[in-house]
Amino acid sequence: MPAGRLPERRTLKPDGPQSDVKNFTTQLGAIIRADSTSKQLTLVFTGHEYAEGMPAILQTLQQENIKAAFFFTGDFVRQYPALVKQAVTAGHYVGPHSNKHLLYADWKKRDSTLVNKSLFQQDLMANYKALQAVGISSQEAPYFLPPYEWYNQQIAHWTNELGLQLICHTPGTLSAADYTLNTDKNYRSSKEIFQSIIHKAQQPNGLYGYLLLMHAGAGSNRSDPFHQELPALVKKLKKLGYRFQNLPPILNH
């Protein structure tokens, strides 16, 4: 597959419908929140190295009749093809998260891009090739969530040039900290993460339109995996009146 080409892709123009939808939030060219006036959210899961949470996550989603969004690297897809296929069969959105989980931008100087356009395209195309090998066509996966959830305007522009739309998680909770380990300085316990999400949910327009990001796994060195809290979290959010929506419907495509 030539670099920079997606076969029969569905084109999402940089200034197309996604930027015209009222109450969306964008940052540096990426959609980071859907309609902030609608009491619905999307559960988003990313995967690269670890997958120990996937069976429990998929089981919870099935039991609660929820469709979620999964973003996997090429490495993840090649290592755990059966789990990826299971997510697809269950009707969840499955899209790209880069092939090798590259760091696109400097942590301290975000506008400093660490990859060139050719490497970016080749890596992303390799991710799509891995997805296609498990039955996910490029037309079915037009949304791309960057590795490390870290990007800049240049990355968003290159993404749009491929006919894709960059998205990222909505900040405001500790949900994305579920990968941290007990020995990490930035470690957050599952109890802290759970409480931060519920605290936000109870505020006016709290999780409205949220792309609530968690991870498919954190490895065996995290003593309190957050996926164990997912059933209680979903039940609590439903009790608070939230509805769960999949991609792309929450983005109106």
C-alpha atoms as a PDB file:
ATOM      1  CA  MET A   1       0.000   0.000   0.000  1.00  0.00           C
ATOM      2  CA  PRO A   2       1.696   3.286  -1.081  1.00  0.00           C
ATOM      3  CA  ALA A   3       2.452   5.773   1.667  1.00  0.00           C
ATOM      4  CA  GLY A   4      -0.118   8.520   1.855  1.00  0.00           C
ATOM      5  CA  ARG A   5      -2.917   6.531   0.235  1.00  0.00           C
ATOM      6  CA  LEU A   6      -5.949   4.918   1.808  1.00  0.00           C
ATOM      7  CA  PRO A   7      -7.873   2.697  -0.635  1.00  0.00           C
ATOM      8  CA  GLU A   8     -11.451   3.820  -1.207  1.00  0.00           C
ATOM      9  CA  ARG A   9     -11.353   5.874   1.945  1.00  0.00           C
ATOM     10  CA  ARG A  10     -14.218   8.014   3.109  1.00  0.00           C
ATOM     11  CA  THR A  11     -13.050  11.609   2.916  1.00  0.00           C
ATOM     12  CA  LEU A  12     -13.481  13.817   5.963  1.00  0.00           C
ATOM     13  CA  LYS A  13     -12.477  17.315   4.978  1.00  0.00           C
ATOM     14  CA  PRO A  14     -10.598  19.453   7.514  1.00  0.00           C
ATOM     15  CA  ASP A  15     -13.346  22.048   7.289  1.00  0.00           C
ATOM     16  CA  GLY A  16     -16.161  19.565   6.779  1.00  0.00           C
ATOM     17  CA  PRO A  17     -19.101  18.566   8.962  1.00  0.00           C
ATOM     18  CA  GLN A  18     -17.046  17.798  12.061  1.00  0.00           C
ATOM     19  CA  SER A  19     -16.015  21.455  12.425  1.00  0.00           C
ATOM     20  CA  ASP A  20     -19.542  22.741  11.792  1.00  0.00           C
ATOM     21  CA  VAL A  21     -21.310  20.804  14.540  1.00  0.00           C
ATOM     22  CA  LYS A  22     -22.418  23.149  17.287  1.00  0.00           C
ATOM     23  CA  ASN A  23     -20.893  22.694  20.732  1.00  0.00           C
ATOM     24  CA  PHE A  24     -18.014  20.467  19.626  1.00  0.00           C
ATOM     25  CA  THR A  25     -14.624  21.174  21.188  1.00  0.00           C
ATOM     26  CA  THR A  26     -11.437  21.003  19.131  1.00  0.00           C
ATOM     27  CA  GLN A  27      -7.809  21.466  20.090  1.00  0.00           C
ATOM     28  CA  LEU A  28      -4.968  21.886  17.612  1.00  0.00           C
ATOM     29  CA  GLY A  29      -7.091  20.375  14.847  1.00  0.00           C
ATOM     30  CA  ALA A  30      -8.376  17.358  16.787  1.00  0.00           C
ATOM     31  CA  ILE A  31     -11.901  16.783  18.077  1.00  0.00           C
ATOM     32  CA  ILE A  32     -11.593  16.326  21.840  1.00  0.00           C
ATOM     33  CA  ARG A  33     -15.253  16.558  22.836  1.00  0.00           C
ATOM     34  CA  ALA A  34     -18.582  15.967  21.117  1.00  0.00           C
ATOM     35  CA  ASP A  35     -21.757  17.959  21.826  1.00  0.00           C
ATOM     36  CA  SER A  36     -21.285  19.486  25.266  1.00  0.00           C
ATOM     37  CA  THR A  37     -25.036  20.106  25.609  1.00  0.00           C
ATOM     38  CA  SER A  38     -26.058  16.455  25.158  1.00  0.00           C
ATOM     39  CA  LYS A  39     -25.983  14.045  28.110  1.00  0.00           C
ATOM     40  CA  GLN A  40     -24.163  11.300  26.278  1.00  0.00           C
ATOM     41  CA  LEU A  41     -20.560  10.152  26.157  1.00  0.00           C
ATOM     42  CA  THR A  42     -18.320   7.632  24.458  1.00  0.00           C
ATOM     43  CA  LEU A  43     -16.117   5.147  26.269  1.00  0.00           C
ATOM     44  CA  VAL A  44     -12.750   5.067  24.501  1.00  0.00           C
ATOM     45  CA  PHE A  45     -10.106   2.384  25.019  1.00  0.00           C
ATOM     46  CA  THR A  46      -6.583   2.401  23.611  1.00  0.00           C
ATOM     47  CA  GLY A  47      -4.214  -0.545  23.364  1.00  0.00           C
ATOM     48  CA  HIS A  48      -0.533  -1.009  22.552  1.00  0.00           C
ATOM     49  CA  GLU A  49       1.437  -3.339  24.846  1.00  0.00           C
ATOM     50  CA  TYR A  50      -1.111  -4.745  27.259  1.00  0.00           C
ATOM     51  CA  ALA A  51      -4.472  -6.433  26.837  1.00  0.00           C
ATOM     52  CA  GLU A  52      -5.248  -8.102  30.154  1.00  0.00           C
ATOM     53  CA  GLY A  53      -8.318  -5.920  30.644  1.00  0.00           C
ATOM     54  CA  MET A  54      -9.924  -6.668  27.283  1.00  0.00           C
ATOM     55  CA  PRO A  55     -11.968  -9.774  28.184  1.00  0.00           C
ATOM     56  CA  ALA A  56     -13.525  -8.042  31.195  1.00  0.00           C
ATOM     57  CA  ILE A  57     -14.066  -4.798  29.279  1.00  0.00           C
ATOM     58  CA  LEU A  58     -15.821  -6.563  26.409  1.00  0.00           C
ATOM     59  CA  GLN A  59     -17.921  -8.586  28.830  1.00  0.00           C
ATOM     60  CA  THR A  60     -19.042  -5.465  30.705  1.00  0.00           C
ATOM     61  CA  LEU A  61     -19.927  -3.663  27.488  1.00  0.00           C
ATOM     62  CA  GLN A  62     -21.966  -6.650  26.327  1.00  0.00           C
ATOM     63  CA  GLN A  63     -23.793  -6.980  29.631  1.00  0.00           C
ATOM     64  CA  GLU A  64     -24.594  -3.272  29.717  1.00  0.00           C
ATOM     65  CA  ASN A  65     -25.518  -3.111  26.013  1.00  0.00           C
ATOM     66  CA  ILE A  66     -22.926  -0.410  25.291  1.00  0.00           C
ATOM     67  CA  LYS A  67     -20.992   0.190  22.097  1.00  0.00           C
ATOM     68  CA  ALA A  68     -17.567   1.731  22.683  1.00  0.00           C
ATOM     69  CA  ALA A  69     -14.572   2.879  20.640  1.00  0.00           C
ATOM     70  CA  PHE A  70     -11.247   1.050  20.578  1.00  0.00           C
ATOM     71  CA  PHE A  71      -8.012   2.384  19.125  1.00  0.00           C
ATOM     72  CA  PHE A  72      -5.223  -0.147  18.658  1.00  0.00           C
ATOM     73  CA  THR A  73      -1.652   0.074  17.439  1.00  0.00           C
ATOM     74  CA  GLY A  74      -0.443  -2.241  14.724  1.00  0.00           C
ATOM     75  CA  ASP A  75       1.650  -4.030  17.337  1.00  0.00           C
ATOM     76  CA  PHE A  76      -1.461  -4.667  19.443  1.00  0.00           C
ATOM     77  CA  VAL A  77      -3.470  -5.952  16.477  1.00  0.00           C
ATOM     78  CA  ARG A  78      -0.725  -8.365  15.446  1.00  0.00           C
ATOM     79  CA  GLN A  79      -0.262  -9.642  19.008  1.00  0.00           C
ATOM     80  CA  TYR A  80      -3.942  -9.910  19.966  1.00  0.00           C
ATOM     81  CA  PRO A  81      -5.901 -10.459  16.724  1.00  0.00           C
ATOM     82  CA  ALA A  82      -8.596 -12.567  18.382  1.00  0.00           C
ATOM     83  CA  LEU A  83      -9.432  -9.809  20.878  1.00  0.00           C
ATOM     84  CA  VAL A  84      -9.555  -7.212  18.112  1.00  0.00           C
ATOM     85  CA  LYS A  85     -11.880  -9.399  16.052  1.00  0.00           C
ATOM     86  CA  GLN A  86     -14.059  -9.905  19.115  1.00  0.00           C
ATOM     87  CA  ALA A  87     -14.427  -6.134  19.501  1.00  0.00           C
ATOM     88  CA  VAL A  88     -15.345  -5.781  15.834  1.00  0.00           C
ATOM     89  CA  THR A  89     -17.869  -8.623  15.969  1.00  0.00           C
ATOM     90  CA  ALA A  90     -19.514  -7.013  18.993  1.00  0.00           C
ATOM     91  CA  GLY A  91     -20.144  -3.851  16.971  1.00  0.00           C
ATOM     92  CA  HIS A  92     -17.613  -1.543  18.575  1.00  0.00           C
ATOM     93  CA  TYR A  93     -15.670   1.071  16.617  1.00  0.00           C
ATOM     94  CA  VAL A  94     -12.101  -0.097  16.049  1.00  0.00           C
ATOM     95  CA  GLY A  95      -9.588   2.362  14.657  1.00  0.00           C
ATOM     96  CA  PRO A  96      -5.882   3.215  14.433  1.00  0.00           C
ATOM     97  CA  HIS A  97      -3.540   4.330  17.227  1.00  0.00           C
ATOM     98  CA  SER A  98      -0.342   4.317  15.081  1.00  0.00           C
ATOM     99  CA  ASN A  99       1.695   1.265  14.194  1.00  0.00           C
ATOM    100  CA  LYS A 100       4.626   1.526  16.628  1.00  0.00           C
ATOM    101  CA  HIS A 101       3.282   4.037  19.194  1.00  0.00           C
ATOM    102  CA  LEU A 102       5.591   6.833  18.085  1.00  0.00           C
ATOM    103  CA  LEU A 103       6.005  10.063  20.011  1.00  0.00           C
ATOM    104  CA  TYR A 104       4.982  12.752  17.525  1.00  0.00           C
ATOM    105  CA  ALA A 105       5.765  15.939  19.433  1.00  0.00           C
ATOM    106  CA  ASP A 106       8.176  17.094  22.107  1.00  0.00           C
ATOM    107  CA  TRP A 107       6.656  16.890  25.603  1.00  0.00           C
ATOM    108  CA  LYS A 108       7.970  20.317  26.586  1.00  0.00           C
ATOM    109  CA  LYS A 109       7.779  22.060  23.213  1.00  0.00           C
ATOM    110  CA  ARG A 110       4.613  20.723  21.676  1.00  0.00           C
ATOM    111  CA  ASP A 111       4.936  22.521  18.352  1.00  0.00           C
ATOM    112  CA  SER A 112       8.239  20.718  17.761  1.00  0.00           C
ATOM    113  CA  THR A 113       7.350  17.702  15.596  1.00  0.00           C
ATOM    114  CA  LEU A 114       9.602  14.684  16.160  1.00  0.00           C
ATOM    115  CA  VAL A 115       8.655  12.726  13.019  1.00  0.00           C
ATOM    116  CA  ASN A 116       8.706  13.730   9.387  1.00  0.00           C
ATOM    117  CA  LYS A 117       5.713  13.428   7.100  1.00  0.00           C
ATOM    118  CA  SER A 118       6.981  10.293   5.363  1.00  0.00           C
ATOM    119  CA  LEU A 119       7.541   8.409   8.627  1.00  0.00           C
ATOM    120  CA  PHE A 120       4.158   9.533   9.934  1.00  0.00           C
ATOM    121  CA  GLN A 121       2.377   8.291   6.816  1.00  0.00           C
ATOM    122  CA  GLN A 122       4.271   5.010   6.578  1.00  0.00           C
ATOM    123  CA  ASP A 123       3.647   4.215  10.240  1.00  0.00           C
ATOM    124  CA  LEU A 124      -0.062   5.017  10.033  1.00  0.00           C
ATOM    125  CA  MET A 125      -0.488   3.045   6.809  1.00  0.00           C
ATOM    126  CA  ALA A 126       1.159   0.047   8.495  1.00  0.00           C
ATOM    127  CA  ASN A 127      -1.418   0.382  11.281  1.00  0.00           C
ATOM    128  CA  TYR A 128      -4.233   0.319   8.722  1.00  0.00           C
ATOM    129  CA  LYS A 129      -2.654  -2.687   7.008  1.00  0.00           C
ATOM    130  CA  ALA A 130      -2.741  -4.567  10.317  1.00  0.00           C
ATOM    131  CA  LEU A 131      -6.374  -3.570  10.845  1.00  0.00           C
ATOM    132  CA  GLN A 132      -7.300  -4.675   7.335  1.00  0.00           C
ATOM    133  CA  ALA A 133      -5.740  -8.080   8.044  1.00  0.00           C
ATOM    134  CA  VAL A 134      -8.361  -8.655  10.751  1.00  0.00           C
ATOM    135  CA  GLY A 135     -11.232  -7.416   8.615  1.00  0.00           C
ATOM    136  CA  ILE A 136     -11.403  -3.689   9.371  1.00  0.00           C
ATOM    137  CA  SER A 137     -11.574  -1.603   6.212  1.00  0.00           C
ATOM    138  CA  SER A 138     -10.273   1.948   6.027  1.00  0.00           C
ATOM    139  CA  GLN A 139     -13.820   3.188   5.358  1.00  0.00           C
ATOM    140  CA  GLU A 140     -14.895   1.799   8.714  1.00  0.00           C
ATOM    141  CA  ALA A 141     -12.095   3.530  10.618  1.00  0.00           C
ATOM    142  CA  PRO A 142     -11.877   7.216   9.618  1.00  0.00           C
ATOM    143  CA  TYR A 143     -11.013   8.459  13.115  1.00  0.00           C
ATOM    144  CA  PHE A 144      -7.444   8.301  14.372  1.00  0.00           C
ATOM    145  CA  LEU A 145      -6.379   8.701  18.003  1.00  0.00           C
ATOM    146  CA  PRO A 146      -2.669   9.589  18.314  1.00  0.00           C
ATOM    147  CA  PRO A 147      -0.207   7.589  20.429  1.00  0.00           C
ATOM    148  CA  TYR A 148       0.368   8.956  23.923  1.00  0.00           C
ATOM    149  CA  GLU A 149      -2.701  11.121  23.219  1.00  0.00           C
ATOM    150  CA  TRP A 150      -0.091  13.706  22.205  1.00  0.00           C
ATOM    151  CA  TYR A 151       0.037  15.582  18.912  1.00  0.00           C
ATOM    152  CA  ASN A 152       0.226  19.064  17.426  1.00  0.00           C
ATOM    153  CA  GLN A 153      -1.304  21.074  14.593  1.00  0.00           C
ATOM    154  CA  GLN A 154       1.119  19.564  12.075  1.00  0.00           C
ATOM    155  CA  ILE A 155       0.007  16.026  12.938  1.00  0.00           C
ATOM    156  CA  ALA A 156      -3.647  17.042  12.646  1.00  0.00           C
ATOM    157  CA  HIS A 157      -2.930  18.557   9.227  1.00  0.00           C
ATOM    158  CA  TRP A 158      -1.143  15.453   7.962  1.00  0.00           C
ATOM    159  CA  THR A 159      -4.026  13.344   9.256  1.00  0.00           C
ATOM    160  CA  ASN A 160      -6.538  15.464   7.352  1.00  0.00           C
ATOM    161  CA  GLU A 161      -4.456  15.186   4.184  1.00  0.00           C
ATOM    162  CA  LEU A 162      -5.079  11.434   4.333  1.00  0.00           C
ATOM    163  CA  GLY A 163      -8.827  12.009   4.487  1.00  0.00           C
ATOM    164  CA  LEU A 164      -8.944  11.150   8.192  1.00  0.00           C
ATOM    165  CA  GLN A 165      -9.994  13.021  11.325  1.00  0.00           C
ATOM    166  CA  LEU A 166      -7.798  13.234  14.399  1.00  0.00           C
ATOM    167  CA  ILE A 167      -9.585  12.852  17.716  1.00  0.00           C
ATOM    168  CA  CYS A 168      -8.341  12.728  21.283  1.00  0.00           C
ATOM    169  CA  HIS A 169      -9.706  12.243  24.772  1.00  0.00           C
ATOM    170  CA  THR A 170     -11.595  14.888  26.706  1.00  0.00           C
ATOM    171  CA  PRO A 171      -9.532  16.234  29.612  1.00  0.00           C
ATOM    172  CA  GLY A 172     -11.028  16.884  33.027  1.00  0.00           C
ATOM    173  CA  THR A 173     -10.924  13.504  34.790  1.00  0.00           C
ATOM    174  CA  LEU A 174      -8.221  11.033  35.798  1.00  0.00           C
ATOM    175  CA  SER A 175      -9.569   8.295  33.521  1.00  0.00           C
ATOM    176  CA  ALA A 176      -6.471   8.212  31.306  1.00  0.00           C
ATOM    177  CA  ALA A 177      -4.246   7.616  34.361  1.00  0.00           C
ATOM    178  CA  ASP A 178      -5.387   4.008  34.611  1.00  0.00           C
ATOM    179  CA  TYR A 179      -2.094   2.915  33.008  1.00  0.00           C
ATOM    180  CA  THR A 180       0.027   4.234  35.895  1.00  0.00           C
ATOM    181  CA  LEU A 181       1.838   1.760  38.124  1.00  0.00           C
ATOM    182  CA  ASN A 182       2.060   1.752  41.897  1.00  0.00           C
ATOM    183  CA  THR A 183       5.735   2.684  41.715  1.00  0.00           C
ATOM    184  CA  ASP A 184       5.169   5.668  39.399  1.00  0.00           C
ATOM    185  CA  LYS A 185       5.343   9.193  40.773  1.00  0.00           C
ATOM    186  CA  ASN A 186       2.162  10.005  38.845  1.00  0.00           C
ATOM    187  CA  TYR A 187       0.326   6.880  40.043  1.00  0.00           C
ATOM    188  CA  ARG A 188      -3.405   7.274  40.554  1.00  0.00           C
ATOM    189  CA  SER A 189      -5.392   4.553  42.271  1.00  0.00           C
ATOM    190  CA  SER A 190      -8.534   3.154  40.703  1.00  0.00           C
ATOM    191  CA  LYS A 191     -10.496   4.645  43.587  1.00  0.00           C
ATOM    192  CA  GLU A 192      -9.116   8.111  42.781  1.00  0.00           C
ATOM    193  CA  ILE A 193      -9.871   7.650  39.094  1.00  0.00           C
ATOM    194  CA  PHE A 194     -13.408   6.444  39.767  1.00  0.00           C
ATOM    195  CA  GLN A 195     -14.123   9.337  42.123  1.00  0.00           C
ATOM    196  CA  SER A 196     -12.755  11.909  39.671  1.00  0.00           C
ATOM    197  CA  ILE A 197     -15.081  10.660  36.928  1.00  0.00           C
ATOM    198  CA  ILE A 198     -18.165  10.650  39.144  1.00  0.00           C
ATOM    199  CA  HIS A 199     -17.280  14.066  40.562  1.00  0.00           C
ATOM    200  CA  LYS A 200     -17.096  15.472  37.035  1.00  0.00           C
ATOM    201  CA  ALA A 201     -20.283  13.660  36.009  1.00  0.00           C
ATOM    202  CA  GLN A 202     -22.237  15.380  38.777  1.00  0.00           C
ATOM    203  CA  GLN A 203     -21.240  18.876  37.669  1.00  0.00           C
ATOM    204  CA  PRO A 204     -23.362  20.905  35.218  1.00  0.00           C
ATOM    205  CA  ASN A 205     -22.675  19.561  31.713  1.00  0.00           C
ATOM    206  CA  GLY A 206     -20.068  17.373  33.420  1.00  0.00           C
ATOM    207  CA  LEU A 207     -19.412  14.485  31.039  1.00  0.00           C
ATOM    208  CA  TYR A 208     -21.669  15.758  28.251  1.00  0.00           C
ATOM    209  CA  GLY A 209     -20.068  14.817  24.929  1.00  0.00           C
ATOM    210  CA  TYR A 210     -17.059  13.280  26.649  1.00  0.00           C
ATOM    211  CA  LEU A 211     -14.618  10.980  24.929  1.00  0.00           C
ATOM    212  CA  LEU A 212     -13.697   9.180  28.148  1.00  0.00           C
ATOM    213  CA  LEU A 213     -10.390   7.432  27.612  1.00  0.00           C
ATOM    214  CA  MET A 214      -9.110   4.330  29.374  1.00  0.00           C
ATOM    215  CA  HIS A 215      -6.641   1.594  28.466  1.00  0.00           C
ATOM    216  CA  ALA A 216      -7.019  -2.023  27.380  1.00  0.00           C
ATOM    217  CA  GLY A 217      -4.459  -2.986  29.985  1.00  0.00           C
ATOM    218  CA  ALA A 218      -1.675  -1.677  32.213  1.00  0.00           C
ATOM    219  CA  GLY A 219       0.336  -4.829  32.782  1.00  0.00           C
ATOM    220  CA  SER A 220       0.701  -7.018  35.836  1.00  0.00           C
ATOM    221  CA  ASN A 221       2.558  -4.393  37.880  1.00  0.00           C
ATOM    222  CA  ARG A 222      -0.584  -2.360  38.541  1.00  0.00           C
ATOM    223  CA  SER A 223      -2.167  -3.829  41.649  1.00  0.00           C
ATOM    224  CA  ASP A 224      -5.642  -2.347  41.117  1.00  0.00           C
ATOM    225  CA  PRO A 225      -6.565  -2.565  37.415  1.00  0.00           C
ATOM    226  CA  PHE A 226      -9.248  -0.059  36.583  1.00  0.00           C
ATOM    227  CA  HIS A 227     -11.183  -2.393  34.306  1.00  0.00           C
ATOM    228  CA  GLN A 228     -12.425  -4.054  37.484  1.00  0.00           C
ATOM    229  CA  GLU A 229     -14.253  -0.803  38.279  1.00  0.00           C
ATOM    230  CA  LEU A 230     -15.884  -0.507  34.857  1.00  0.00           C
ATOM    231  CA  PRO A 231     -19.157  -2.305  35.744  1.00  0.00           C
ATOM    232  CA  ALA A 232     -19.739  -0.064  38.764  1.00  0.00           C
ATOM    233  CA  LEU A 233     -18.751   3.031  36.783  1.00  0.00           C
ATOM    234  CA  VAL A 234     -21.189   2.289  33.975  1.00  0.00           C
ATOM    235  CA  LYS A 235     -24.031   1.568  36.375  1.00  0.00           C
ATOM    236  CA  LYS A 236     -23.381   4.791  38.282  1.00  0.00           C
ATOM    237  CA  LEU A 237     -23.272   6.905  35.127  1.00  0.00           C
ATOM    238  CA  LYS A 238     -26.495   5.330  33.884  1.00  0.00           C
ATOM    239  CA  LYS A 239     -28.092   6.104  37.243  1.00  0.00           C
ATOM    240  CA  LEU A 240     -27.020   9.723  36.780  1.00  0.00           C
ATOM    241  CA  GLY A 241     -28.866   9.773  33.462  1.00  0.00           C
ATOM    242  CA  TYR A 242     -25.995   9.439  31.017  1.00  0.00           C
ATOM    243  CA  ARG A 243     -26.375   7.607  27.715  1.00  0.00           C
ATOM    244  CA  PHE A 244     -23.500   5.837  25.989  1.00  0.00           C
ATOM    245  CA  GLN A 245     -22.906   6.431  22.295  1.00  0.00           C
ATOM    246  CA  ASN A 246     -20.485   4.898  19.836  1.00  0.00           C
ATOM    247  CA  LEU A 247     -18.289   6.391  17.147  1.00  0.00           C
ATOM    248  CA  PRO A 248     -19.144   7.686  14.685  1.00  0.00           C
ATOM    249  CA  PRO A 249     -22.736   8.497  15.770  1.00  0.00           C
ATOM    250  CA  ILE A 250     -21.689  10.809  18.608  1.00  0.00           C
ATOM    251  CA  LEU A 251     -19.736  12.836  16.039  1.00  0.00           C
ATOM    252  CA  ASN A 252     -22.729  12.900  13.674  1.00  0.00           C
ATOM    253  CA  HIS A 253     -21.042  11.163  10.748  1.00  0.00           C
END
